[in-house]
C-alpha atoms as a PDB file:
ATOM      1  CA  MET A   1     -16.489   2.742   5.220  1.00  0.00           C
ATOM      2  CA  SER A   2     -13.343   1.117   6.430  1.00  0.00           C
ATOM      3  CA  PHE A   3     -10.587   0.082   4.544  1.00  0.00           C
ATOM      4  CA  LYS A   4      -7.152  -1.169   4.532  1.00  0.00           C
ATOM      5  CA  TYR A   5      -4.220  -1.067   1.807  1.00  0.00           C
ATOM      6  CA  LEU A   6      -0.833  -2.926   2.039  1.00  0.00           C
ATOM      7  CA  ASN A   7       1.376  -2.853  -0.924  1.00  0.00           C
ATOM      8  CA  PRO A   8       5.089  -4.086  -0.384  1.00  0.00           C
ATOM      9  CA  GLY A   9       6.182  -2.609  -3.530  1.00  0.00           C
ATOM     10  CA  TYR A  10       4.391  -3.582  -6.708  1.00  0.00           C
ATOM     11  CA  ALA A  11       2.816  -1.390  -9.383  1.00  0.00           C
ATOM     12  CA  GLU A  12       0.937  -4.573  -9.996  1.00  0.00           C
ATOM     13  CA  LEU A  13      -1.096  -3.916  -7.196  1.00  0.00           C
ATOM     14  CA  LEU A  14      -2.207  -0.645  -8.184  1.00  0.00           C
ATOM     15  CA  ASP A  15      -5.875   0.212  -9.729  1.00  0.00           C
ATOM     16  CA  VAL A  16      -3.363   1.490 -13.074  1.00  0.00           C
ATOM     17  CA  ALA A  17      -1.763   0.539 -15.601  1.00  0.00           C
ATOM     18  CA  GLY A  18       1.882   1.631 -16.562  1.00  0.00           C
ATOM     19  CA  GLY A  19       3.785   1.415 -13.614  1.00  0.00           C
ATOM     20  CA  THR A  20       7.044  -0.369 -13.278  1.00  0.00           C
ATOM     21  CA  THR A  21       8.308  -2.632 -10.419  1.00  0.00           C
ATOM     22  CA  VAL A  22      11.658  -2.865  -9.229  1.00  0.00           C
ATOM     23  CA  VAL A  23      13.467  -5.417  -7.379  1.00  0.00           C
ATOM     24  CA  ASP A  24      15.629  -3.642  -5.213  1.00  0.00           C
ATOM     25  CA  THR A  25      16.611  -5.574  -1.480  1.00  0.00           C
ATOM     26  CA  VAL A  26      18.864  -2.619  -0.696  1.00  0.00           C
ATOM     27  CA  LYS A  27      16.989   0.436  -1.104  1.00  0.00           C
ATOM     28  CA  SER A  28      13.661  -0.832  -0.128  1.00  0.00           C
ATOM     29  CA  LYS A  29      13.212  -3.251   3.467  1.00  0.00           C
ATOM     30  CA  THR A  30      10.278  -4.884   1.058  1.00  0.00           C
ATOM     31  CA  GLY A  31      12.965  -5.717  -1.588  1.00  0.00           C
ATOM     32  CA  VAL A  32      10.488  -4.589  -4.065  1.00  0.00           C
ATOM     33  CA  LYS A  33       9.532  -0.948  -4.677  1.00  0.00           C
ATOM     34  CA  PHE A  34       7.386   1.286  -7.821  1.00  0.00           C
ATOM     35  CA  TYR A  35       7.012   4.386  -9.766  1.00  0.00           C
ATOM     36  CA  GLN A  36       3.642   5.207 -10.971  1.00  0.00           C
ATOM     37  CA  PRO A  37       4.230   7.978 -13.556  1.00  0.00           C
ATOM     38  CA  THR A  38       0.360   8.580 -14.113  1.00  0.00           C
ATOM     39  CA  ALA A  39      -0.938  11.701 -12.290  1.00  0.00           C
ATOM     40  CA  LYS A  40      -4.601  11.132 -10.358  1.00  0.00           C
ATOM     41  CA  LYS A  41      -4.405   7.703 -10.632  1.00  0.00           C
ATOM     42  CA  GLY A  42      -3.627   4.747  -8.292  1.00  0.00           C
ATOM     43  CA  ILE A  43      -6.267   3.338  -6.045  1.00  0.00           C
ATOM     44  CA  ASN A  44      -9.712   3.329  -6.269  1.00  0.00           C
ATOM     45  CA  LEU A  45     -12.429   3.279  -3.017  1.00  0.00           C
ATOM     46  CA  SER A  46     -16.167   2.396  -2.334  1.00  0.00           C
ATOM     47  CA  ALA A  47     -16.513   5.866  -0.473  1.00  0.00           C
ATOM     48  CA  ALA A  48     -14.919   8.761   0.489  1.00  0.00           C
ATOM     49  CA  PRO A  49     -13.055   8.287   4.105  1.00  0.00           C
ATOM     50  CA  THR A  50     -13.355  11.319   6.783  1.00  0.00           C
ATOM     51  CA  ASP A  51     -10.081  10.610   8.030  1.00  0.00           C
ATOM     52  CA  PHE A  52      -6.946   9.111   5.858  1.00  0.00           C
ATOM     53  CA  TYR A  53      -3.452   7.826   7.138  1.00  0.00           C
ATOM     54  CA  GLY A  54      -1.084   7.202   4.740  1.00  0.00           C
ATOM     55  CA  LYS A  55       2.624   5.573   5.605  1.00  0.00           C
ATOM     56  CA  TYR A  56       5.405   4.634   2.996  1.00  0.00           C
ATOM     57  CA  ASP A  57       9.134   4.183   2.247  1.00  0.00           C
ATOM     58  CA  VAL A  58      11.246   6.109  -0.237  1.00  0.00           C
ATOM     59  CA  TYR A  59      15.220   6.247  -0.645  1.00  0.00           C
ATOM     60  CA  ILE A  60      16.516   9.744  -0.852  1.00  0.00           C
ATOM     61  CA  GLY A  61      19.978   9.890  -2.657  1.00  0.00           C
ATOM     62  CA  ASN A  62      22.564  12.603  -1.909  1.00  0.00           C
ATOM     63  CA  ASP A  63      22.573  13.314  -5.439  1.00  0.00           C
ATOM     64  CA  TYR A  64      21.243  16.041  -8.332  1.00  0.00           C
ATOM     65  CA  ASN A  65      18.395  13.400  -9.550  1.00  0.00           C
ATOM     66  CA  SER A  66      15.147  14.472  -8.949  1.00  0.00           C
ATOM     67  CA  PHE A  67      11.917  13.190  -8.308  1.00  0.00           C
ATOM     68  CA  ILE A  68       8.033  13.839  -7.343  1.00  0.00           C
ATOM     69  CA  THR A  69       6.079  10.942  -5.118  1.00  0.00           C
ATOM     70  CA  ARG A  70       2.768  11.817  -4.113  1.00  0.00           C
ATOM     71  CA  VAL A  71      -0.504  10.065  -2.014  1.00  0.00           C
ATOM     72  CA  ALA A  72      -3.500  12.123  -2.029  1.00  0.00           C
ATOM     73  CA  LEU A  73      -7.069  11.542  -2.524  1.00  0.00           C
ATOM     74  CA  LEU A  74      -8.782  13.795  -5.836  1.00  0.00           C
ATOM     75  CA  LYS A  75     -11.168  16.281  -5.195  1.00  0.00           C
ATOM     76  CA  SER A  76     -14.543  15.767  -6.677  1.00  0.00           C
ATOM     77  CA  GLY A  77     -14.040  16.812 -10.555  1.00  0.00           C
ATOM     78  CA  GLY A  78     -10.729  15.447 -10.392  1.00  0.00           C
ATOM     79  CA  TYR A  79      -8.859  18.597 -11.136  1.00  0.00           C
ATOM     80  CA  SER A  80      -7.306  19.176  -7.741  1.00  0.00           C
ATOM     81  CA  TYR A  81      -6.768  17.410  -4.191  1.00  0.00           C
ATOM     82  CA  SER A  82      -9.504  17.255  -1.412  1.00  0.00           C
ATOM     83  CA  GLY A  83      -6.578  15.751   1.394  1.00  0.00           C
ATOM     84  CA  GLY A  84      -2.934  14.378   1.244  1.00  0.00           C
ATOM     85  CA  ILE A  85       0.720  15.048   0.754  1.00  0.00           C
ATOM     86  CA  GLY A  86       3.883  14.963  -1.735  1.00  0.00           C
ATOM     87  CA  PHE A  87       7.475  14.912  -1.658  1.00  0.00           C
ATOM     88  CA  THR A  88       9.581  16.741  -4.178  1.00  0.00           C
ATOM     89  CA  LYS A  89      13.283  16.670  -4.515  1.00  0.00           C
ATOM     90  CA  ASP A  90      14.410  18.983  -7.082  1.00  0.00           C
ATOM     91  CA  SER A  91      18.240  18.503  -7.533  1.00  0.00           C
ATOM     92  CA  ASN A  92      19.667  19.474  -4.066  1.00  0.00           C
ATOM     93  CA  ALA A  93      16.085  21.007  -2.884  1.00  0.00           C
ATOM     94  CA  MET A  94      13.703  19.145  -0.567  1.00  0.00           C
ATOM     95  CA  TYR A  95      10.235  19.772   0.506  1.00  0.00           C
ATOM     96  CA  PHE A  96       6.803  18.442   1.352  1.00  0.00           C
ATOM     97  CA  TYR A  97       3.812  19.501  -0.394  1.00  0.00           C
ATOM     98  CA  ARG A  98       0.299  19.594   1.439  1.00  0.00           C
ATOM     99  CA  TYR A  99      -3.049  19.331   0.037  1.00  0.00           C
ATOM    100  CA  TYR A 100      -6.406  20.323   1.213  1.00  0.00           C
ATOM    101  CA  ASN A 101      -9.856  21.461  -0.626  1.00  0.00           C
ATOM    102  CA  GLY A 102      -8.319  22.076  -3.519  1.00  0.00           C
ATOM    103  CA  ASN A 103      -5.111  24.028  -2.242  1.00  0.00           C
ATOM    104  CA  SER A 104      -1.802  23.102  -2.432  1.00  0.00           C
ATOM    105  CA  THR A 105       1.004  24.719  -0.330  1.00  0.00           C
ATOM    106  CA  ILE A 106       4.550  24.011   0.201  1.00  0.00           C
ATOM    107  CA  SER A 107       5.767  23.013   3.468  1.00  0.00           C
ATOM    108  CA  SER A 108       9.751  24.029   5.087  1.00  0.00           C
ATOM    109  CA  LYS A 109      12.546  23.417   2.677  1.00  0.00           C
ATOM    110  CA  ALA A 110      15.759  21.498   3.140  1.00  0.00           C
ATOM    111  CA  TYR A 111      18.654  21.351   1.093  1.00  0.00           C
ATOM    112  CA  THR A 112      21.375  18.668   1.034  1.00  0.00           C
ATOM    113  CA  SER A 113      23.634  19.952   3.143  1.00  0.00           C
ATOM    114  CA  ASP A 114      21.401  20.658   5.496  1.00  0.00           C
ATOM    115  CA  PRO A 115      18.668  17.930   5.561  1.00  0.00           C
ATOM    116  CA  LYS A 116      17.767  18.218   9.519  1.00  0.00           C
ATOM    117  CA  ALA A 117      14.773  20.460   8.786  1.00  0.00           C
ATOM    118  CA  LEU A 118      13.021  17.929   7.176  1.00  0.00           C
ATOM    119  CA  ASN A 119      14.869  14.885   9.520  1.00  0.00           C
ATOM    120  CA  ILE A 120      15.832  13.535   5.893  1.00  0.00           C
ATOM    121  CA  GLN A 121      18.442  11.073   5.834  1.00  0.00           C
ATOM    122  CA  LEU A 122      20.192  10.807   2.843  1.00  0.00           C
ATOM    123  CA  ASP A 123      21.200   7.855   0.825  1.00  0.00           C
ATOM    124  CA  ALA A 124      19.003   6.055   3.006  1.00  0.00           C
ATOM    125  CA  ILE A 125      15.327   4.745   2.961  1.00  0.00           C
ATOM    126  CA  ASN A 126      13.359   7.106   4.760  1.00  0.00           C
ATOM    127  CA  THR A 127       9.847   6.604   6.005  1.00  0.00           C
ATOM    128  CA  VAL A 128       7.081   9.751   5.709  1.00  0.00           C
ATOM    129  CA  TRP A 129       3.685   8.943   7.908  1.00  0.00           C
ATOM    130  CA  PHE A 130       0.782  11.878   7.467  1.00  0.00           C
ATOM    131  CA  HIS A 131      -2.771  12.028   8.736  1.00  0.00           C
ATOM    132  CA  VAL A 132      -5.628  13.763   6.975  1.00  0.00           C
ATOM    133  CA  THR A 133      -8.749  14.309   8.889  1.00  0.00           C
ATOM    134  CA  SER A 134     -11.944  16.603   8.167  1.00  0.00           C
ATOM    135  CA  GLY A 135     -13.158  19.363  10.024  1.00  0.00           C
ATOM    136  CA  SER A 136     -13.456  22.925  10.734  1.00  0.00           C
ATOM    137  CA  PRO A 137     -10.911  23.392  11.340  1.00  0.00           C
ATOM    138  CA  GLY A 138      -9.293  19.863  10.296  1.00  0.00           C
ATOM    139  CA  LYS A 139      -5.687  18.966  10.600  1.00  0.00           C
ATOM    140  CA  LEU A 140      -2.762  18.015   7.830  1.00  0.00           C
ATOM    141  CA  GLU A 141       0.352  16.086   9.680  1.00  0.00           C
ATOM    142  CA  ILE A 142       3.305  15.123   8.122  1.00  0.00           C
ATOM    143  CA  TYR A 143       6.132  12.942   9.988  1.00  0.00           C
ATOM    144  CA  SER A 144       9.471  11.980   8.649  1.00  0.00           C
ATOM    145  CA  ASN A 145      11.290   9.306   9.828  1.00  0.00           C
ATOM    146  CA  GLY A 146       9.265   9.446  12.813  1.00  0.00           C
ATOM    147  CA  VAL A 147       9.409  13.219  13.812  1.00  0.00           C
ATOM    148  CA  LEU A 148       6.846  15.944  13.082  1.00  0.00           C
ATOM    149  CA  VAL A 149       8.169  17.924  10.413  1.00  0.00           C
ATOM    150  CA  ASP A 150       4.710  19.632   9.303  1.00  0.00           C
ATOM    151  CA  ALA A 151       1.510  20.251  11.380  1.00  0.00           C
ATOM    152  CA  LEU A 152      -1.574  22.116   9.653  1.00  0.00           C
ATOM    153  CA  ASP A 153      -5.268  23.446  11.402  1.00  0.00           C
ATOM    154  CA  VAL A 154      -7.597  24.306   8.587  1.00  0.00           C
ATOM    155  CA  THR A 155     -10.601  23.227   7.156  1.00  0.00           C
ATOM    156  CA  ILE A 156     -10.686  20.254   5.432  1.00  0.00           C
ATOM    157  CA  ASN A 157     -13.664  18.651   3.802  1.00  0.00           C
ATOM    158  CA  LEU A 158     -12.771  14.989   2.605  1.00  0.00           C
ATOM    159  CA  SER A 159     -16.161  13.830   1.438  1.00  0.00           C
ATOM    160  CA  ASP A 160     -15.747  16.346  -1.767  1.00  0.00           C
ATOM    161  CA  SER A 161     -13.390  13.555  -2.589  1.00  0.00           C
ATOM    162  CA  GLU A 162     -13.350  11.597  -6.022  1.00  0.00           C
ATOM    163  CA  ASN A 163     -12.814   8.058  -4.180  1.00  0.00           C
ATOM    164  CA  THR A 164      -9.571   7.953  -5.693  1.00  0.00           C
ATOM    165  CA  ILE A 165      -6.017   7.772  -4.179  1.00  0.00           C
ATOM    166  CA  ASP A 166      -3.921   9.612  -6.544  1.00  0.00           C
ATOM    167  CA  VAL A 167      -0.588   7.301  -5.911  1.00  0.00           C
ATOM    168  CA  TYR A 168       2.196   8.726  -7.932  1.00  0.00           C
ATOM    169  CA  ALA A 169       5.979   8.949  -8.269  1.00  0.00           C
ATOM    170  CA  SER A 170       7.528  10.406 -11.093  1.00  0.00           C
ATOM    171  CA  ASN A 171      10.256   7.838 -11.926  1.00  0.00           C
ATOM    172  CA  SER A 172      12.435   5.295 -10.421  1.00  0.00           C
ATOM    173  CA  ASN A 173      14.551   7.949  -8.159  1.00  0.00           C
ATOM    174  CA  GLY A 174      11.729   8.748  -6.282  1.00  0.00           C
ATOM    175  CA  ALA A 175       9.992   4.865  -6.450  1.00  0.00           C
ATOM    176  CA  ILE A 176       7.468   3.857  -3.354  1.00  0.00           C
ATOM    177  CA  SER A 177       7.910   0.669  -0.943  1.00  0.00           C
ATOM    178  CA  ASN A 178       5.838  -0.395   2.041  1.00  0.00           C
ATOM    179  CA  LEU A 179       3.187   1.316   1.384  1.00  0.00           C
ATOM    180  CA  ILE A 180       0.152   1.259   3.962  1.00  0.00           C
ATOM    181  CA  LEU A 181      -3.172   3.181   3.420  1.00  0.00           C
ATOM    182  CA  SER A 182      -6.470   3.310   5.908  1.00  0.00           C
ATOM    183  CA  ASP A 183      -9.405   5.408   7.072  1.00  0.00           C
ATOM    184  CA  THR A 184      -8.178   4.139  10.625  1.00  0.00           C
ATOM    185  CA  GLU A 185      -4.913   5.143  12.568  1.00  0.00           C
ATOM    186  CA  ILE A 186      -1.386   3.619  11.137  1.00  0.00           C
ATOM    187  CA  ASP A 187       1.014   3.252  13.865  1.00  0.00           C
ATOM    188  CA  LYS A 188       4.129   5.074  12.735  1.00  0.00           C
ATOM    189  CA  LYS A 189       6.271   2.100  13.654  1.00  0.00           C
ATOM    190  CA  GLU A 190       4.034  -0.554  11.590  1.00  0.00           C
ATOM    191  CA  GLN A 191       5.700  -1.955   7.955  1.00  0.00           C
ATOM    192  CA  VAL A 192       4.705  -4.588   5.578  1.00  0.00           C
ATOM    193  CA  ALA A 193       6.292  -7.619   5.586  1.00  0.00           C
ATOM    194  CA  VAL A 194       6.182 -10.429   3.017  1.00  0.00           C
ATOM    195  CA  LEU A 195       4.976 -13.518   4.989  1.00  0.00           C
ATOM    196  CA  PRO A 196       6.796 -16.827   4.853  1.00  0.00           C
ATOM    197  CA  ILE A 197       4.605 -19.587   3.715  1.00  0.00           C
ATOM    198  CA  ALA A 198       4.866 -23.111   5.815  1.00  0.00           C
ATOM    199  CA  THR A 199       1.892 -25.029   3.818  1.00  0.00           C
ATOM    200  CA  THR A 200      -0.272 -25.198   1.190  1.00  0.00           C
ATOM    201  CA  GLU A 201      -3.391 -26.893   0.805  1.00  0.00           C
ATOM    202  CA  ALA A 202      -5.764 -26.662  -2.231  1.00  0.00           C
ATOM    203  CA  THR A 203      -8.600 -28.237  -4.185  1.00  0.00           C
ATOM    204  CA  MET A 204      -7.034 -26.437  -7.278  1.00  0.00           C
ATOM    205  CA  THR A 205      -4.671 -28.143  -9.396  1.00  0.00           C
ATOM    206  CA  GLN A 206      -0.854 -27.591  -8.991  1.00  0.00           C
ATOM    207  CA  GLY A 207       0.752 -26.919 -12.428  1.00  0.00           C
ATOM    208  CA  GLU A 208       4.770 -27.787 -12.908  1.00  0.00           C
ATOM    209  CA  ASN A 209       6.215 -24.742 -11.973  1.00  0.00           C
ATOM    210  CA  GLY A 210       4.359 -24.302  -8.737  1.00  0.00           C
ATOM    211  CA  GLU A 211       1.357 -22.315  -9.856  1.00  0.00           C
ATOM    212  CA  TYR A 212      -2.106 -23.239  -8.853  1.00  0.00           C
ATOM    213  CA  ILE A 213      -4.615 -23.520 -11.380  1.00  0.00           C
ATOM    214  CA  ALA A 214      -8.660 -23.626 -10.974  1.00  0.00           C
ATOM    215  CA  GLY A 215     -10.806 -25.407 -13.315  1.00  0.00           C
ATOM    216  CA  THR A 216     -13.688 -24.797 -11.839  1.00  0.00           C
ATOM    217  CA  ALA A 217     -15.838 -22.593  -9.552  1.00  0.00           C
ATOM    218  CA  GLY A 218     -15.453 -23.109  -5.866  1.00  0.00           C
ATOM    219  CA  GLN A 219     -12.172 -24.132  -5.789  1.00  0.00           C
ATOM    220  CA  THR A 220      -9.996 -23.174  -3.358  1.00  0.00           C
ATOM    221  CA  ILE A 221      -6.128 -22.499  -2.031  1.00  0.00           C
ATOM    222  CA  LEU A 222      -5.154 -21.786   1.445  1.00  0.00           C
ATOM    223  CA  GLN A 223      -1.684 -21.779   3.158  1.00  0.00           C
ATOM    224  CA  THR A 224      -0.448 -21.316   6.794  1.00  0.00           C
ATOM    225  CA  VAL A 225       2.166 -18.886   7.689  1.00  0.00           C
ATOM    226  CA  ASP A 226       6.145 -20.085   9.003  1.00  0.00           C
ATOM    227  CA  VAL A 227       5.375 -18.094  11.918  1.00  0.00           C
ATOM    228  CA  ALA A 228       8.229 -19.647  13.682  1.00  0.00           C
ATOM    229  CA  SER A 229      10.678 -17.994  11.142  1.00  0.00           C
ATOM    230  CA  LEU A 230       9.076 -14.373  11.649  1.00  0.00           C
ATOM    231  CA  ILE A 231       9.213 -14.608  15.188  1.00  0.00           C
ATOM    232  CA  ASN A 232      12.784 -15.433  15.066  1.00  0.00           C
ATOM    233  CA  ASP A 233      12.928 -12.504  12.500  1.00  0.00           C
ATOM    234  CA  TYR A 234      10.541  -9.924  14.444  1.00  0.00           C
ATOM    235  CA  GLY A 235       9.849 -11.506  18.004  1.00  0.00           C
ATOM    236  CA  ALA A 236       6.912 -12.819  19.320  1.00  0.00           C
ATOM    237  CA  ASP A 237       5.555 -10.019  20.950  1.00  0.00           C
ATOM    238  CA  THR A 238       4.922  -8.213  17.445  1.00  0.00           C
ATOM    239  CA  ASP A 239       1.278  -6.472  16.642  1.00  0.00           C
ATOM    240  CA  ILE A 240      -0.418  -8.148  13.549  1.00  0.00           C
ATOM    241  CA  LYS A 241      -2.429  -4.643  12.162  1.00  0.00           C
ATOM    242  CA  GLY A 242      -3.402  -6.059   8.920  1.00  0.00           C
ATOM    243  CA  ILE A 243      -3.186  -8.810   6.254  1.00  0.00           C
ATOM    244  CA  ALA A 244      -3.012  -8.446   2.507  1.00  0.00           C
ATOM    245  CA  VAL A 245      -3.722 -11.690   0.345  1.00  0.00           C
ATOM    246  CA  ILE A 246      -1.743 -11.403  -2.910  1.00  0.00           C
ATOM    247  CA  GLY A 247      -1.754 -13.436  -5.750  1.00  0.00           C
ATOM    248  CA  ASN A 248       1.549 -13.050  -7.550  1.00  0.00           C
ATOM    249  CA  PRO A 249       0.894 -13.973 -10.417  1.00  0.00           C
ATOM    250  CA  ALA A 250      -2.427 -14.075 -11.044  1.00  0.00           C
ATOM    251  CA  TYR A 251      -4.226 -14.233 -13.971  1.00  0.00           C
ATOM    252  CA  ARG A 252      -7.405 -15.432 -16.092  1.00  0.00           C
ATOM    253  CA  THR A 253      -7.359 -17.780 -19.754  1.00  0.00           C
ATOM    254  CA  ALA A 254     -10.879 -17.531 -20.256  1.00  0.00           C
ATOM    255  CA  GLU A 255     -13.886 -14.831 -19.284  1.00  0.00           C
ATOM    256  CA  GLY A 256     -16.140 -17.389 -17.675  1.00  0.00           C
ATOM    257  CA  LEU A 257     -13.735 -18.558 -14.921  1.00  0.00           C
ATOM    258  CA  SER A 258     -12.308 -15.110 -13.840  1.00  0.00           C
ATOM    259  CA  ASP A 259     -13.319 -13.794 -10.285  1.00  0.00           C
ATOM    260  CA  LEU A 260     -10.853 -14.532  -7.356  1.00  0.00           C
ATOM    261  CA  THR A 261     -12.715 -14.030  -3.290  1.00  0.00           C
ATOM    262  CA  ALA A 262      -9.884 -14.196  -0.620  1.00  0.00           C
ATOM    263  CA  LEU A 263     -10.367 -16.069   2.011  1.00  0.00           C
ATOM    264  CA  GLN A 264      -9.529 -16.460   5.745  1.00  0.00           C
ATOM    265  CA  HIS A 265      -9.488 -19.512   8.140  1.00  0.00           C
ATOM    266  CA  ASP A 266      -9.423 -18.593  11.701  1.00  0.00           C
ATOM    267  CA  GLY A 267      -9.042 -21.983  12.745  1.00  0.00           C
ATOM    268  CA  THR A 268     -12.951 -22.324  13.252  1.00  0.00           C
ATOM    269  CA  THR A 269     -14.655 -20.311  10.664  1.00  0.00           C
ATOM    270  CA  LEU A 270     -13.774 -19.245   7.325  1.00  0.00           C
ATOM    271  CA  THR A 271     -14.946 -15.983   6.181  1.00  0.00           C
ATOM    272  CA  GLU A 272     -14.686 -14.321   2.255  1.00  0.00           C
ATOM    273  CA  TYR A 273     -13.537 -10.926   2.314  1.00  0.00           C
ATOM    274  CA  GLY A 274     -13.478  -9.065  -1.423  1.00  0.00           C
ATOM    275  CA  THR A 275     -13.583 -10.496  -4.757  1.00  0.00           C
ATOM    276  CA  LYS A 276     -11.419  -9.542  -7.726  1.00  0.00           C
ATOM    277  CA  THR A 277     -11.385  -9.853 -11.467  1.00  0.00           C
ATOM    278  CA  ALA A 278      -8.044 -11.685 -12.464  1.00  0.00           C
ATOM    279  CA  PRO A 279      -6.265  -9.565 -15.383  1.00  0.00           C
ATOM    280  CA  ALA A 280      -5.703 -11.351 -18.843  1.00  0.00           C
ATOM    281  CA  SER A 281      -1.962 -10.686 -18.640  1.00  0.00           C
ATOM    282  CA  THR A 282       0.312 -13.242 -17.532  1.00  0.00           C
ATOM    283  CA  SER A 283       2.446 -10.864 -15.321  1.00  0.00           C
ATOM    284  CA  GLY A 284      -0.912  -9.756 -13.716  1.00  0.00           C
ATOM    285  CA  MET A 285      -1.697  -9.821  -9.975  1.00  0.00           C
ATOM    286  CA  VAL A 286      -4.565  -9.620  -7.354  1.00  0.00           C
ATOM    287  CA  MET A 287      -4.614  -8.554  -3.817  1.00  0.00           C
ATOM    288  CA  ASP A 288      -7.435  -7.954  -1.055  1.00  0.00           C
ATOM    289  CA  ALA A 289      -6.487  -6.094   2.473  1.00  0.00           C
ATOM    290  CA  HIS A 290      -8.353  -6.003   5.704  1.00  0.00           C
ATOM    291  CA  ALA A 291      -7.507  -4.964   9.036  1.00  0.00           C
ATOM    292  CA  LEU A 292      -6.267  -7.902  11.931  1.00  0.00           C
ATOM    293  CA  SER A 293      -5.645  -7.433  15.051  1.00  0.00           C
ATOM    294  CA  MET A 294      -3.599  -9.560  16.890  1.00  0.00           C
ATOM    295  CA  LYS A 295       0.081 -10.658  18.266  1.00  0.00           C
ATOM    296  CA  LEU A 296       2.347 -12.719  16.047  1.00  0.00           C
ATOM    297  CA  PRO A 297       2.129 -16.286  17.617  1.00  0.00           C
ATOM    298  CA  ALA A 298      -1.973 -16.313  17.069  1.00  0.00           C
ATOM    299  CA  LEU A 299      -1.314 -16.242  13.549  1.00  0.00           C
ATOM    300  CA  ALA A 300      -0.332 -19.610  13.201  1.00  0.00           C
ATOM    301  CA  ASN A 301      -3.771 -20.499  13.505  1.00  0.00           C
ATOM    302  CA  TYR A 302      -4.734 -18.848  10.450  1.00  0.00           C
ATOM    303  CA  LYS A 303      -4.967 -19.956   6.902  1.00  0.00           C
ATOM    304  CA  PHE A 304      -5.386 -17.451   3.846  1.00  0.00           C
ATOM    305  CA  GLY A 305      -5.808 -17.768   0.206  1.00  0.00           C
ATOM    306  CA  TRP A 306      -8.372 -17.355  -2.448  1.00  0.00           C
ATOM    307  CA  LYS A 307     -11.565 -19.373  -3.939  1.00  0.00           C
ATOM    308  CA  ALA A 308     -12.075 -19.343  -7.862  1.00  0.00           C
ATOM    309  CA  GLY A 309     -15.502 -17.774  -9.195  1.00  0.00           C
ATOM    310  CA  VAL A 310     -17.408 -17.072 -11.938  1.00  0.00           C
ATOM    311  CA  GLY A 311     -17.191 -13.178 -13.276  1.00  0.00           C
ATOM    312  CA  SER A 312     -20.357 -11.585 -13.218  1.00  0.00           C
END
């Protein structure tokens, strides 16, 4: 198994309904963030990983607003967690939770008068990075804004999971953005960037509002990235670590033509990736993500998009 999940901050890209997306260019680097108040739901995996990496941003205010965030693999049976972390802000107290083999323990505690214990910056966007690995002993590490704030050596068995990642944010005070999850290492500097589009080519029909409509199976849309703009913003030496192809909005108007398969063209070869079923809601989205390793200028040769298909 190998997976990479990238989400700028859209609740609609989770495998659970009921979350809320908030547009916010001040408290999110990507311009959007989400909260998702249904516990033990979030992202469905095809198999349990032996290593679990995660990274996300959360704005932490210097106030008494409370919230809980959690990113953790559900343990088989769905009653506890096989590995992951949580963060709680309870009035003026803040602390991390460590989840492993059905256990839940509290890491260091900090207060708003002295948040340095967890390397937290108040009234600012904070970046949390963690790594859980199976073994005897296994390891659980938590980094806050690039600094190690907790490490635990303990027996961990991620194979005893329900193949579901709980992605939980109790309310808008702890809304999550810049979410990256993988079973391979995530660089601590890695972040999600929304790529500007340079050109679009499609066999789908363009609608009046700029959307693209598929009427038959096999119709496609492919887009190139405005690499020059990205180089200006990030620099030519920037590493690309993964790509998420997002349809926003993406929805079906009939049950027959309901599938969308992610496409990537590298200038020579067209590759198909995951197939998603478009939701019925007109506010629905679809996403497929995969690892991709190259320098930013090489992205100019690539096209990304979708192919319409008939649902099974």
